[in-house]
């Protein structure tokens, strides 16, 4: 029924430069993806299925940006792996869309079935293409920083026991080996 005070655990830990860079990159990624959505909404793309999927991809990119900081430092291995896979897939799609926008702008605009004038649509698509290049690069930066932060925690041993426990739970009972048996 006593109260204990541990001053070392009550002090907030200052985030590392990698973590701060991950936060800034995620915020820029969030802003770029939402800007892309507003640019595509200015093209009036809702009647086309391709426009819907374009907006859906950037909503997924926003979810990746929001979730990346939490996953890199505190989530389980499964959430981390899912985050990495989704980030890679969205980055690949972002790169593909940017190449498509820059190589065949008029054809892509016609395929989107936009209601704006073609000259205005081409300018909007060029701006959107520049944003997709930025998003593509930022997703790889976020992916790399998330990996480095997770690796740093693994090497430092702060999550080593938790990671070992998560991995040992996946094996059947006779094959589980605990570190305490060998220490």
Protein backbone atom coordinates (compact mmCIF):
# COMPACT_ATOMS: atom_id res chain seq x y z
CA UNK A 1 0.00 0.00 0.00
CA UNK A 2 3.06 2.20 -0.23
CA UNK A 3 3.88 4.72 -2.90
CA UNK A 4 7.22 4.37 -4.61
CA UNK A 5 8.86 7.06 -6.63
CA UNK A 6 11.43 6.21 -9.25
CA UNK A 7 12.76 9.46 -10.72
CA UNK A 8 14.49 7.80 -13.67
CA UNK A 9 11.26 6.27 -15.00
CA UNK A 10 9.17 9.40 -14.51
CA UNK A 11 11.38 11.56 -16.70
CA UNK A 12 10.25 11.65 -20.32
CA UNK A 13 12.66 10.14 -22.78
CA UNK A 14 13.77 12.50 -25.47
CA UNK A 15 13.22 11.08 -28.94
CA UNK A 16 16.27 10.43 -31.06
CA UNK A 17 17.08 12.32 -34.24
CA UNK A 18 15.86 9.35 -36.27
CA UNK A 19 12.52 9.39 -34.50
CA UNK A 20 12.16 13.15 -35.00
CA UNK A 21 13.03 12.75 -38.67
CA UNK A 22 10.45 9.97 -38.95
CA UNK A 23 7.83 12.27 -37.41
CA UNK A 24 8.64 15.14 -39.78
CA UNK A 25 8.70 12.81 -42.79
CA UNK A 26 5.35 11.35 -41.79
CA UNK A 27 3.83 14.80 -41.41
CA UNK A 28 5.11 15.87 -44.83
CA UNK A 29 3.83 12.59 -46.31
CA UNK A 30 0.45 13.22 -44.71
CA UNK A 31 0.31 16.75 -46.13
CA UNK A 32 1.39 15.64 -49.62
CA UNK A 33 -1.15 12.80 -49.77
CA UNK A 34 -4.00 15.03 -48.60
CA UNK A 35 -2.92 17.70 -51.10
CA UNK A 36 -3.03 15.08 -53.84
CA UNK A 37 -6.56 14.15 -52.82
CA UNK A 38 -7.64 17.78 -53.06
CA UNK A 39 -5.97 18.14 -56.47
CA UNK A 40 -7.73 15.05 -57.78
CA UNK A 41 -11.03 16.26 -56.36
CA UNK A 42 -10.53 19.46 -58.35
CA UNK A 43 -10.45 17.26 -61.47
CA UNK A 44 -13.95 16.01 -60.58
CA UNK A 45 -13.07 12.33 -60.85
CA UNK A 46 -15.84 10.69 -58.86
CA UNK A 47 -17.71 9.16 -61.82
CA UNK A 48 -14.65 7.16 -62.88
CA UNK A 49 -13.50 3.98 -61.18
CA UNK A 50 -9.85 4.86 -61.81
CA UNK A 51 -10.31 8.20 -60.01
CA UNK A 52 -11.88 6.42 -57.06
CA UNK A 53 -8.93 4.04 -56.78
CA UNK A 54 -6.52 6.95 -57.10
CA UNK A 55 -8.17 8.67 -54.14
CA UNK A 56 -8.33 5.36 -52.23
CA UNK A 57 -4.58 4.86 -52.71
CA UNK A 58 -3.88 8.23 -51.17
CA UNK A 59 -6.24 7.57 -48.27
CA UNK A 60 -4.19 4.42 -47.67
CA UNK A 61 -1.02 6.53 -47.87
CA UNK A 62 -2.44 8.84 -45.20
CA UNK A 63 -3.16 5.83 -42.97
CA UNK A 64 0.43 4.63 -43.46
CA UNK A 65 1.77 8.07 -42.50
CA UNK A 66 -0.37 8.24 -39.36
CA UNK A 67 0.47 4.71 -38.27
CA UNK A 68 4.21 4.74 -39.06
CA UNK A 69 5.45 6.48 -35.92
CA UNK A 70 3.56 4.18 -33.58
CA UNK A 71 4.58 1.01 -35.39
CA UNK A 72 8.27 1.83 -35.53
CA UNK A 73 8.69 2.07 -31.79
CA UNK A 74 5.93 0.31 -29.87
CA UNK A 75 3.92 -2.15 -31.94
CA UNK A 76 4.27 -5.91 -32.14
CA UNK A 77 6.15 -7.70 -34.87
CA UNK A 78 3.00 -8.52 -36.82
CA UNK A 79 1.85 -4.89 -36.95
CA UNK A 80 5.37 -3.84 -37.90
CA UNK A 81 5.50 -6.40 -40.72
CA UNK A 82 2.05 -5.36 -41.95
CA UNK A 83 3.11 -1.71 -41.91
CA UNK A 84 6.24 -2.49 -43.91
CA UNK A 85 4.32 -4.47 -46.54
CA UNK A 86 1.62 -1.81 -46.94
CA UNK A 87 4.23 0.95 -47.17
CA UNK A 88 6.16 -0.89 -49.89
CA UNK A 89 3.00 -1.62 -51.89
CA UNK A 90 1.77 1.97 -51.69
CA UNK A 91 5.23 3.26 -52.64
CA UNK A 92 5.28 1.00 -55.70
CA UNK A 93 1.83 2.20 -56.74
CA UNK A 94 2.82 5.84 -56.16
CA UNK A 95 5.86 5.39 -58.39
CA UNK A 96 3.77 3.74 -61.08
CA UNK A 97 1.22 6.53 -61.02
CA UNK A 98 3.90 9.20 -61.26
CA UNK A 99 5.44 7.50 -64.30
CA UNK A 100 2.00 7.17 -65.88
CA UNK A 101 1.15 10.82 -65.23
CA UNK A 102 4.41 12.15 -66.65
CA UNK A 103 4.63 9.88 -69.70
CA UNK A 104 1.03 9.97 -70.92
CA UNK A 105 -0.71 12.95 -69.32
CA UNK A 106 -3.39 13.55 -71.94
CA UNK A 107 -4.25 9.86 -72.25
CA UNK A 108 -4.38 9.43 -68.50
CA UNK A 109 -6.63 12.48 -68.19
CA UNK A 110 -8.96 11.06 -70.82
CA UNK A 111 -9.05 7.74 -69.01
CA UNK A 112 -10.01 9.52 -65.77
CA UNK A 113 -13.09 11.03 -67.49
CA UNK A 114 -12.57 14.45 -65.96
CA UNK A 115 -15.04 17.29 -66.51
CA UNK A 116 -12.47 20.12 -66.55
CA UNK A 117 -10.91 21.59 -69.68
CA UNK A 118 -8.01 19.58 -71.03
CA UNK A 119 -5.44 22.38 -70.58
CA UNK A 120 -6.42 22.85 -66.94
CA UNK A 121 -6.51 19.11 -66.37
CA UNK A 122 -3.00 18.68 -67.75
CA UNK A 123 -1.66 21.35 -65.40
CA UNK A 124 -3.45 19.78 -62.42
CA UNK A 125 -2.14 16.34 -63.35
CA UNK A 126 1.42 17.65 -63.66
CA UNK A 127 1.12 19.11 -60.15
CA UNK A 128 -0.32 15.81 -58.93
CA UNK A 129 2.54 13.96 -60.64
CA UNK A 130 5.08 16.08 -58.80
CA UNK A 131 3.30 15.26 -55.55
CA UNK A 132 3.38 11.54 -56.32
CA UNK A 133 7.14 11.72 -56.87
CA UNK A 134 7.47 13.46 -53.49
CA UNK A 135 5.19 10.88 -51.86
CA UNK A 136 7.16 8.03 -53.44
CA UNK A 137 10.45 9.37 -52.05
CA UNK A 138 8.98 10.12 -48.63
CA UNK A 139 7.48 6.66 -48.30
CA UNK A 140 10.91 5.11 -48.82
CA UNK A 141 12.39 7.53 -46.28
CA UNK A 142 9.67 6.58 -43.76
CA UNK A 143 10.21 2.91 -44.50
CA UNK A 144 13.97 3.19 -43.97
CA UNK A 145 13.64 5.22 -40.78
CA UNK A 146 11.05 2.82 -39.35
CA UNK A 147 13.41 -0.06 -40.07
CA UNK A 148 16.36 1.73 -38.46
CA UNK A 149 14.37 2.60 -35.34
CA UNK A 150 13.11 -0.96 -34.99
CA UNK A 151 16.60 -2.33 -35.54
CA UNK A 152 18.01 0.06 -32.94
CA UNK A 153 15.47 -1.15 -30.38
CA UNK A 154 16.22 -4.77 -31.23
CA UNK A 155 19.97 -4.31 -30.87
CA UNK A 156 19.62 -2.27 -27.69
CA UNK A 157 17.67 -5.10 -26.15
CA UNK A 158 14.74 -3.02 -24.99
CA UNK A 159 12.32 -5.28 -26.83
CA UNK A 160 14.50 -8.36 -27.14
CA UNK A 161 12.66 -10.40 -24.54
CA UNK A 162 9.25 -9.36 -25.86
CA UNK A 163 10.24 -10.26 -29.42
CA UNK A 164 11.55 -13.64 -28.28
CA UNK A 165 8.33 -14.31 -26.36
CA UNK A 166 6.21 -13.41 -29.40
CA UNK A 167 8.23 -15.73 -31.61
CA UNK A 168 8.15 -18.59 -29.14
CA UNK A 169 4.36 -18.41 -28.83
CA UNK A 170 4.02 -19.36 -32.50
CA UNK A 171 5.73 -22.75 -32.01
CA UNK A 172 3.99 -25.84 -30.61
CA UNK A 173 4.71 -26.59 -26.95
CA UNK A 174 7.40 -29.30 -27.34
CA UNK A 175 9.51 -27.05 -29.58
CA UNK A 176 9.45 -23.93 -27.42
CA UNK A 177 12.87 -22.98 -26.13
CA UNK A 178 13.26 -20.32 -23.51
CA UNK A 179 16.34 -18.17 -23.05
CA UNK A 180 16.35 -18.81 -19.31
CA UNK A 181 17.27 -22.45 -19.94
CA UNK A 182 20.57 -21.42 -21.52
CA UNK A 183 21.50 -18.42 -19.38
